[in-house]
Each structure stands twice: as C-alpha cells, then as structure tokens.
C-alpha cells in the first residue's frame, strides 16, 4: 500500500513537471519565431554541460571531454539545425511527441506492472512491460498526430517507425543510466521534480534526434503535413 502511494505521488509530480515543460516547449515552438526555440535548446544544453555534467564525471577525466562533443552537444546541435531549417522544422513535432509519450507510457506502465528487467545492473527500474507501455503510448501519439491533420497513415509504417523510436529512446535512457551508474548517482540534476535534471529528461530524445536528422529528407515526405 505504501509503495503504491509512493508510486502515485511520484507519478503526479512527474506528470505536473512534464506538463509544465511540455507547455513551455509548445508555446515557444508554435507561437514564437524559430530562434526562440533554438535559444531555449541552447539554454538547456548549457545547463546540462555546466550544471549536470560535473555530477557524471570528474572534470579532470579526459573521457568526459572526449564524450561531450558527441553527447550531448551533437544531438542538441542537430535539434537546433532542424529547428532553424524551415524545410525540416516540422519534424520536431513527431520527434518530441513520440519521445515524451514513450517516456510517460514507460514510466506509468513500468511502475504499475513492470516485473521483467531489461538491464538490472544498469537501470533497475527499466522493464519490458514499461517498454511495451511506452511503445503503445508513442504509437497512440503518432496516430493522434495523423488524426489531427486529417491524414490517412500507412499503418505498417506507423507500427515499425514507432518501434524504431522506442528502441532508440530506450537506448538513450540506458546509456544515460550507465553514465549515472558509473558516477554512483540517481539523477543528473534536480531542477525537474520527478525527473531529475534536463539530461534525465532529454536522454531519450537525443538518440532519436540523431536518427531524425540523418533521415530528415525521407521523414519530411511523411511528416511534412504536420503543422
């Protein structure tokens, strides 16, 4: 009983934080010129580098400086490049919608029904049930976007594409969990109640961002209808 109350308390905190963060991203993305959203991404990146990176690494460790340009700088740079290009900016809509839906579904289903661990030594809370829940939430999110645009989706594409996003989101989550496990910490930061830091929130999105950027010319033929 006590465990269920704690799970529900964390779920409420996490949901409130996710709603506020999502609302901020939504308003800045849709209502302000593109450079505002890029500036927001730069601020988040700087917070990760200056405020959270030191929790993961001893800054005298050369590995931290070798990894930083690849992770997190390159994925954020790709997000900014997509945002600043009028031809590809719309790709950020399915990217963030699917990733955040995957994270939400994974946490909800995993917390309530998760039993079988994926990588207990790296991330004890990550379960196969949670990944399935994340996949279903991400799938629903993508179908919702097509429905909102009154477009008829290719169902085979939606199924496999949601699977690819789910695999990459899980890989991003596990990679950051591995970094935290090395540093013997639970969260990279504490600015986002229920989530930890911005790196904890954007770990999945960064891996997916690389995929979206590399395949942007193909993906825009499908998601270019989103507005």
C-alpha atoms as a PDB file:
ATOM      1  CA  UNK A   1       0.000   0.000   0.000  1.00  0.00           C
ATOM      2  CA  UNK A   2       2.776   2.386   0.940  1.00  0.00           C
ATOM      3  CA  UNK A   3       4.640   1.509  -2.265  1.00  0.00           C
ATOM      4  CA  UNK A   4       1.565   2.251  -4.381  1.00  0.00           C
ATOM      5  CA  UNK A   5       1.126   5.621  -2.674  1.00  0.00           C
ATOM      6  CA  UNK A   6       4.758   6.462  -3.358  1.00  0.00           C
ATOM      7  CA  UNK A   7       4.382   5.432  -6.991  1.00  0.00           C
ATOM      8  CA  UNK A   8       1.271   7.581  -7.394  1.00  0.00           C
ATOM      9  CA  UNK A   9       2.966  10.528  -5.660  1.00  0.00           C
ATOM     10  CA  UNK A  10       5.948  10.298  -8.000  1.00  0.00           C
ATOM     11  CA  UNK A  11       3.640   9.880 -10.987  1.00  0.00           C
ATOM     12  CA  UNK A  12       1.731  13.044 -10.069  1.00  0.00           C
ATOM     13  CA  UNK A  13       4.947  15.040  -9.591  1.00  0.00           C
ATOM     14  CA  UNK A  14       6.372  13.695 -12.822  1.00  0.00           C
ATOM     15  CA  UNK A  15       3.168  14.434 -14.743  1.00  0.00           C
ATOM     16  CA  UNK A  16       2.936  18.009 -13.447  1.00  0.00           C
ATOM     17  CA  UNK A  17       6.570  18.693 -14.342  1.00  0.00           C
ATOM     18  CA  UNK A  18       6.146  17.101 -17.768  1.00  0.00           C
ATOM     19  CA  UNK A  19       3.008  19.175 -18.415  1.00  0.00           C
ATOM     20  CA  UNK A  20       4.726  22.443 -17.472  1.00  0.00           C
ATOM     21  CA  UNK A  21       7.845  21.666 -19.506  1.00  0.00           C
ATOM     22  CA  UNK A  22       5.756  20.476 -22.442  1.00  0.00           C
ATOM     23  CA  UNK A  23       3.606  23.613 -22.303  1.00  0.00           C
ATOM     24  CA  UNK A  24       6.695  25.832 -22.350  1.00  0.00           C
ATOM     25  CA  UNK A  25       8.170  23.963 -25.320  1.00  0.00           C
ATOM     26  CA  UNK A  26       4.809  24.044 -27.131  1.00  0.00           C
ATOM     27  CA  UNK A  27       4.286  27.790 -26.646  1.00  0.00           C
ATOM     28  CA  UNK A  28       7.835  28.697 -27.649  1.00  0.00           C
ATOM     29  CA  UNK A  29       7.801  26.383 -30.671  1.00  0.00           C
ATOM     30  CA  UNK A  30       4.420  27.336 -32.104  1.00  0.00           C
ATOM     31  CA  UNK A  31       3.945  30.947 -31.019  1.00  0.00           C
ATOM     32  CA  UNK A  32       7.395  32.497 -31.248  1.00  0.00           C
ATOM     33  CA  UNK A  33       9.954  32.827 -34.067  1.00  0.00           C
ATOM     34  CA  UNK A  34      12.189  29.744 -34.534  1.00  0.00           C
ATOM     35  CA  UNK A  35      15.271  31.279 -32.963  1.00  0.00           C
ATOM     36  CA  UNK A  36      13.474  31.463 -29.595  1.00  0.00           C
ATOM     37  CA  UNK A  37      13.117  27.685 -29.539  1.00  0.00           C
ATOM     38  CA  UNK A  38      16.740  27.291 -30.602  1.00  0.00           C
ATOM     39  CA  UNK A  39      17.764  29.645 -27.802  1.00  0.00           C
ATOM     40  CA  UNK A  40      15.773  27.552 -25.337  1.00  0.00           C
ATOM     41  CA  UNK A  41      17.578  24.423 -26.521  1.00  0.00           C
ATOM     42  CA  UNK A  42      20.913  26.213 -26.086  1.00  0.00           C
ATOM     43  CA  UNK A  43      19.963  27.176 -22.512  1.00  0.00           C
ATOM     44  CA  UNK A  44      19.028  23.559 -21.739  1.00  0.00           C
ATOM     45  CA  UNK A  45      22.292  22.335 -23.265  1.00  0.00           C
ATOM     46  CA  UNK A  46      24.318  24.831 -21.225  1.00  0.00           C
ATOM     47  CA  UNK A  47      22.539  23.711 -18.063  1.00  0.00           C
ATOM     48  CA  UNK A  48      23.454  20.106 -18.856  1.00  0.00           C
ATOM     49  CA  UNK A  49      27.095  20.953 -19.563  1.00  0.00           C
ATOM     50  CA  UNK A  50      27.664  23.470 -16.779  1.00  0.00           C
ATOM     51  CA  UNK A  51      25.287  22.199 -14.101  1.00  0.00           C
ATOM     52  CA  UNK A  52      24.861  18.456 -14.585  1.00  0.00           C
ATOM     53  CA  UNK A  53      27.896  17.101 -16.421  1.00  0.00           C
ATOM     54  CA  UNK A  54      30.104  17.539 -13.347  1.00  0.00           C
ATOM     55  CA  UNK A  55      27.865  15.119 -11.457  1.00  0.00           C
ATOM     56  CA  UNK A  56      28.617  12.403 -14.007  1.00  0.00           C
ATOM     57  CA  UNK A  57      32.341  12.918 -14.400  1.00  0.00           C
ATOM     58  CA  UNK A  58      35.419  14.126 -12.654  1.00  0.00           C
ATOM     59  CA  UNK A  59      36.190  17.030 -14.971  1.00  0.00           C
ATOM     60  CA  UNK A  60      39.863  16.051 -14.893  1.00  0.00           C
ATOM     61  CA  UNK A  61      38.887  12.812 -16.644  1.00  0.00           C
ATOM     62  CA  UNK A  62      39.787  13.091 -20.371  1.00  0.00           C
ATOM     63  CA  UNK A  63      36.860  10.794 -21.250  1.00  0.00           C
ATOM     64  CA  UNK A  64      34.392  13.484 -20.167  1.00  0.00           C
ATOM     65  CA  UNK A  65      35.883  15.970 -22.642  1.00  0.00           C
ATOM     66  CA  UNK A  66      36.049  13.384 -25.424  1.00  0.00           C
ATOM     67  CA  UNK A  67      32.422  12.361 -24.924  1.00  0.00           C
ATOM     68  CA  UNK A  68      30.933  15.834 -24.524  1.00  0.00           C
ATOM     69  CA  UNK A  69      31.137  16.871 -28.233  1.00  0.00           C
ATOM     70  CA  UNK A  70      29.363  13.644 -29.217  1.00  0.00           C
ATOM     71  CA  UNK A  71      26.964  13.568 -26.280  1.00  0.00           C
ATOM     72  CA  UNK A  72      25.175  15.855 -25.516  1.00  0.00           C
ATOM     73  CA  UNK A  73      26.426  18.611 -27.874  1.00  0.00           C
ATOM     74  CA  UNK A  74      25.936  16.898 -31.248  1.00  0.00           C
ATOM     75  CA  UNK A  75      22.312  15.746 -30.657  1.00  0.00           C
ATOM     76  CA  UNK A  76      21.327  19.212 -29.438  1.00  0.00           C
ATOM     77  CA  UNK A  77      23.087  20.786 -32.416  1.00  0.00           C
ATOM     78  CA  UNK A  78      21.020  18.528 -34.688  1.00  0.00           C
ATOM     79  CA  UNK A  79      17.818  19.592 -32.939  1.00  0.00           C
ATOM     80  CA  UNK A  80      18.781  23.241 -33.434  1.00  0.00           C
ATOM     81  CA  UNK A  81      19.651  22.680 -37.103  1.00  0.00           C
ATOM     82  CA  UNK A  82      16.285  21.006 -37.702  1.00  0.00           C
ATOM     83  CA  UNK A  83      14.509  23.845 -35.921  1.00  0.00           C
ATOM     84  CA  UNK A  84      16.300  26.551 -37.905  1.00  0.00           C
ATOM     85  CA  UNK A  85      15.619  24.937 -41.280  1.00  0.00           C
ATOM     86  CA  UNK A  86      12.146  25.881 -42.477  1.00  0.00           C
ATOM     87  CA  UNK A  87      12.025  22.690 -44.581  1.00  0.00           C
ATOM     88  CA  UNK A  88      12.614  20.329 -41.659  1.00  0.00           C
ATOM     89  CA  UNK A  89      11.339  22.179 -38.607  1.00  0.00           C
ATOM     90  CA  UNK A  90       8.059  20.280 -38.628  1.00  0.00           C
ATOM     91  CA  UNK A  91       9.961  17.050 -37.857  1.00  0.00           C
ATOM     92  CA  UNK A  92      10.354  18.224 -34.272  1.00  0.00           C
ATOM     93  CA  UNK A  93       6.607  17.760 -33.743  1.00  0.00           C
ATOM     94  CA  UNK A  94       6.564  13.945 -34.083  1.00  0.00           C
ATOM     95  CA  UNK A  95      10.026  13.701 -32.514  1.00  0.00           C
ATOM     96  CA  UNK A  96       9.137  15.300 -29.193  1.00  0.00           C
ATOM     97  CA  UNK A  97       5.557  13.996 -29.174  1.00  0.00           C
ATOM     98  CA  UNK A  98       6.640  10.398 -29.596  1.00  0.00           C
ATOM     99  CA  UNK A  99       9.624  10.524 -27.250  1.00  0.00           C
ATOM    100  CA  UNK A 100       7.769  12.231 -24.412  1.00  0.00           C
ATOM    101  CA  UNK A 101       4.815   9.850 -24.904  1.00  0.00           C
ATOM    102  CA  UNK A 102       7.208   6.894 -24.805  1.00  0.00           C
ATOM    103  CA  UNK A 103       8.772   8.146 -21.581  1.00  0.00           C
ATOM    104  CA  UNK A 104       5.364   8.745 -19.990  1.00  0.00           C
ATOM    105  CA  UNK A 105       3.992   5.358 -21.013  1.00  0.00           C
ATOM    106  CA  UNK A 106       7.163   3.593 -19.969  1.00  0.00           C
ATOM    107  CA  UNK A 107       7.096   5.174 -16.525  1.00  0.00           C
ATOM    108  CA  UNK A 108       3.361   4.633 -15.917  1.00  0.00           C
ATOM    109  CA  UNK A 109       3.157   1.028 -17.111  1.00  0.00           C
ATOM    110  CA  UNK A 110       6.571   0.120 -15.778  1.00  0.00           C
ATOM    111  CA  UNK A 111       5.819   1.496 -12.307  1.00  0.00           C
ATOM    112  CA  UNK A 112       2.460  -0.256 -12.067  1.00  0.00           C
ATOM    113  CA  UNK A 113       3.077  -3.540 -13.874  1.00  0.00           C
ATOM    114  CA  UNK A 114       6.820  -3.848 -14.502  1.00  0.00           C
ATOM    115  CA  UNK A 115       8.319  -7.185 -13.459  1.00  0.00           C
ATOM    116  CA  UNK A 116      10.892  -8.327 -16.019  1.00  0.00           C
ATOM    117  CA  UNK A 117      14.033  -6.182 -16.006  1.00  0.00           C
ATOM    118  CA  UNK A 118      15.833  -5.268 -19.210  1.00  0.00           C
ATOM    119  CA  UNK A 119      19.243  -4.381 -17.758  1.00  0.00           C
ATOM    120  CA  UNK A 120      19.059  -4.585 -13.943  1.00  0.00           C
ATOM    121  CA  UNK A 121      22.741  -3.718 -13.461  1.00  0.00           C
ATOM    122  CA  UNK A 122      22.397  -0.516 -15.460  1.00  0.00           C
ATOM    123  CA  UNK A 123      18.815   0.590 -14.874  1.00  0.00           C
ATOM    124  CA  UNK A 124      16.923  -1.463 -12.261  1.00  0.00           C
ATOM    125  CA  UNK A 125      13.661   0.342 -12.986  1.00  0.00           C
ATOM    126  CA  UNK A 126      13.607  -0.330 -16.732  1.00  0.00           C
ATOM    127  CA  UNK A 127      11.315  -3.259 -17.587  1.00  0.00           C
ATOM    128  CA  UNK A 128       9.995  -4.945 -20.699  1.00  0.00           C
ATOM    129  CA  UNK A 129       6.462  -4.133 -19.583  1.00  0.00           C
ATOM    130  CA  UNK A 130       7.413  -0.462 -19.358  1.00  0.00           C
ATOM    131  CA  UNK A 131       8.908  -0.537 -22.843  1.00  0.00           C
ATOM    132  CA  UNK A 132       5.715  -2.080 -24.192  1.00  0.00           C
ATOM    133  CA  UNK A 133       3.685   0.627 -22.469  1.00  0.00           C
ATOM    134  CA  UNK A 134       5.996   3.279 -23.903  1.00  0.00           C
ATOM    135  CA  UNK A 135       5.617   1.809 -27.371  1.00  0.00           C
ATOM    136  CA  UNK A 136       1.821   1.845 -27.143  1.00  0.00           C
ATOM    137  CA  UNK A 137       1.797   5.446 -25.874  1.00  0.00           C
ATOM    138  CA  UNK A 138       4.199   6.506 -28.629  1.00  0.00           C
ATOM    139  CA  UNK A 139       2.088   4.666 -31.203  1.00  0.00           C
ATOM    140  CA  UNK A 140      -1.039   6.429 -29.958  1.00  0.00           C
ATOM    141  CA  UNK A 141       0.765   9.764 -30.105  1.00  0.00           C
ATOM    142  CA  UNK A 142       1.739   9.266 -33.757  1.00  0.00           C
ATOM    143  CA  UNK A 143      -1.756   8.141 -34.720  1.00  0.00           C
ATOM    144  CA  UNK A 144      -3.096  11.174 -32.875  1.00  0.00           C
ATOM    145  CA  UNK A 145      -0.924  13.495 -34.964  1.00  0.00           C
ATOM    146  CA  UNK A 146      -2.177  11.943 -38.198  1.00  0.00           C
ATOM    147  CA  UNK A 147      -5.760  12.134 -36.946  1.00  0.00           C
ATOM    148  CA  UNK A 148      -5.333  15.807 -36.018  1.00  0.00           C
ATOM    149  CA  UNK A 149      -4.062  16.550 -39.528  1.00  0.00           C
ATOM    150  CA  UNK A 150      -6.952  14.531 -41.012  1.00  0.00           C
ATOM    151  CA  UNK A 151      -4.414  12.375 -42.838  1.00  0.00           C
ATOM    152  CA  UNK A 152      -4.591   8.646 -43.530  1.00  0.00           C
ATOM    153  CA  UNK A 153      -1.396   6.990 -42.211  1.00  0.00           C
ATOM    154  CA  UNK A 154       0.386   3.977 -43.606  1.00  0.00           C
ATOM    155  CA  UNK A 155      -0.290   1.568 -40.740  1.00  0.00           C
ATOM    156  CA  UNK A 156       2.744  -0.610 -41.443  1.00  0.00           C
ATOM    157  CA  UNK A 157       4.980   2.469 -41.388  1.00  0.00           C
ATOM    158  CA  UNK A 158       3.426   3.730 -38.141  1.00  0.00           C
ATOM    159  CA  UNK A 159       3.982   0.363 -36.445  1.00  0.00           C
ATOM    160  CA  UNK A 160       7.623  -0.076 -37.403  1.00  0.00           C
ATOM    161  CA  UNK A 161       8.528   3.597 -37.058  1.00  0.00           C
ATOM    162  CA  UNK A 162       7.144   3.685 -33.512  1.00  0.00           C
ATOM    163  CA  UNK A 163       9.233   0.579 -32.802  1.00  0.00           C
ATOM    164  CA  UNK A 164      12.409   2.264 -34.095  1.00  0.00           C
ATOM    165  CA  UNK A 165      11.749   5.344 -31.991  1.00  0.00           C
ATOM    166  CA  UNK A 166      11.067   3.153 -28.963  1.00  0.00           C
ATOM    167  CA  UNK A 167      14.319   1.213 -29.387  1.00  0.00           C
ATOM    168  CA  UNK A 168      16.352   4.406 -29.776  1.00  0.00           C
ATOM    169  CA  UNK A 169      14.598   6.091 -26.840  1.00  0.00           C
ATOM    170  CA  UNK A 170      15.325   3.056 -24.661  1.00  0.00           C
ATOM    171  CA  UNK A 171      18.961   3.032 -25.792  1.00  0.00           C
ATOM    172  CA  UNK A 172      19.290   6.699 -24.898  1.00  0.00           C
ATOM    173  CA  UNK A 173      17.773   6.103 -21.483  1.00  0.00           C
ATOM    174  CA  UNK A 174      20.040   3.124 -20.805  1.00  0.00           C
ATOM    175  CA  UNK A 175      23.145   4.999 -21.934  1.00  0.00           C
ATOM    176  CA  UNK A 176      22.478   7.840 -19.528  1.00  0.00           C
ATOM    177  CA  UNK A 177      21.669   5.311 -16.793  1.00  0.00           C
ATOM    178  CA  UNK A 178      25.047   3.705 -17.449  1.00  0.00           C
ATOM    179  CA  UNK A 179      26.750   7.091 -17.023  1.00  0.00           C
ATOM    180  CA  UNK A 180      24.884   7.651 -13.753  1.00  0.00           C
ATOM    181  CA  UNK A 181      25.721   4.146 -12.563  1.00  0.00           C
ATOM    182  CA  UNK A 182      29.406   4.869 -13.177  1.00  0.00           C
ATOM    183  CA  UNK A 183      29.099   8.066 -11.144  1.00  0.00           C
ATOM    184  CA  UNK A 184      27.036   6.371  -8.389  1.00  0.00           C
ATOM    185  CA  UNK A 185      24.194   8.893  -8.621  1.00  0.00           C
ATOM    186  CA  UNK A 186      20.446   8.536  -9.131  1.00  0.00           C
ATOM    187  CA  UNK A 187      19.788  11.681 -11.201  1.00  0.00           C
ATOM    188  CA  UNK A 188      21.988  14.030 -13.192  1.00  0.00           C
ATOM    189  CA  UNK A 189      20.296  17.053 -11.600  1.00  0.00           C
ATOM    190  CA  UNK A 190      17.323  18.156  -9.513  1.00  0.00           C
ATOM    191  CA  UNK A 191      15.730  21.034 -11.409  1.00  0.00           C
ATOM    192  CA  UNK A 192      12.799  18.961 -12.683  1.00  0.00           C
ATOM    193  CA  UNK A 193      10.770  17.371  -9.849  1.00  0.00           C
ATOM    194  CA  UNK A 194      10.036  13.730 -10.587  1.00  0.00           C
ATOM    195  CA  UNK A 195      12.524  13.649 -13.465  1.00  0.00           C
ATOM    196  CA  UNK A 196      15.843  14.824 -12.064  1.00  0.00           C
ATOM    197  CA  UNK A 197      17.775  17.090 -14.395  1.00  0.00           C
ATOM    198  CA  UNK A 198      17.436  18.103 -18.029  1.00  0.00           C
ATOM    199  CA  UNK A 199      19.766  15.304 -19.096  1.00  0.00           C
ATOM    200  CA  UNK A 200      17.401  12.837 -17.412  1.00  0.00           C
ATOM    201  CA  UNK A 201      14.537  14.371 -19.392  1.00  0.00           C
ATOM    202  CA  UNK A 202      16.259  14.626 -22.786  1.00  0.00           C
ATOM    203  CA  UNK A 203      18.366  11.443 -22.754  1.00  0.00           C
ATOM    204  CA  UNK A 204      15.885   9.547 -24.940  1.00  0.00           C
ATOM    205  CA  UNK A 205      15.258  12.492 -27.261  1.00  0.00           C
ATOM    206  CA  UNK A 206      18.955  12.886 -28.042  1.00  0.00           C
ATOM    207  CA  UNK A 207      19.320   9.415 -29.549  1.00  0.00           C
ATOM    208  CA  UNK A 208      16.110   9.860 -31.523  1.00  0.00           C
ATOM    209  CA  UNK A 209      17.263  13.300 -32.697  1.00  0.00           C
ATOM    210  CA  UNK A 210      20.296  11.769 -34.410  1.00  0.00           C
ATOM    211  CA  UNK A 211      18.031   9.334 -36.269  1.00  0.00           C
ATOM    212  CA  UNK A 212      15.610  12.079 -37.330  1.00  0.00           C
ATOM    213  CA  UNK A 213      18.429  14.312 -38.523  1.00  0.00           C
ATOM    214  CA  UNK A 214      20.175  11.600 -40.547  1.00  0.00           C
ATOM    215  CA  UNK A 215      16.892  10.545 -42.194  1.00  0.00           C
ATOM    216  CA  UNK A 216      15.340  14.008 -42.413  1.00  0.00           C
ATOM    217  CA  UNK A 217      15.000  14.030 -46.221  1.00  0.00           C
ATOM    218  CA  UNK A 218      12.930  10.844 -46.116  1.00  0.00           C
ATOM    219  CA  UNK A 219      10.944  11.649 -42.978  1.00  0.00           C
ATOM    220  CA  UNK A 220       9.858  15.071 -44.231  1.00  0.00           C
ATOM    221  CA  UNK A 221       8.000  13.391 -47.105  1.00  0.00           C
ATOM    222  CA  UNK A 222       5.807  11.751 -44.467  1.00  0.00           C
ATOM    223  CA  UNK A 223       5.669  14.273 -41.646  1.00  0.00           C
ATOM    224  CA  UNK A 224       5.740  17.442 -43.736  1.00  0.00           C
ATOM    225  CA  UNK A 225       1.941  17.648 -43.356  1.00  0.00           C
ATOM    226  CA  UNK A 226       2.226  18.285 -39.594  1.00  0.00           C
ATOM    227  CA  UNK A 227       1.666  21.887 -38.573  1.00  0.00           C
END
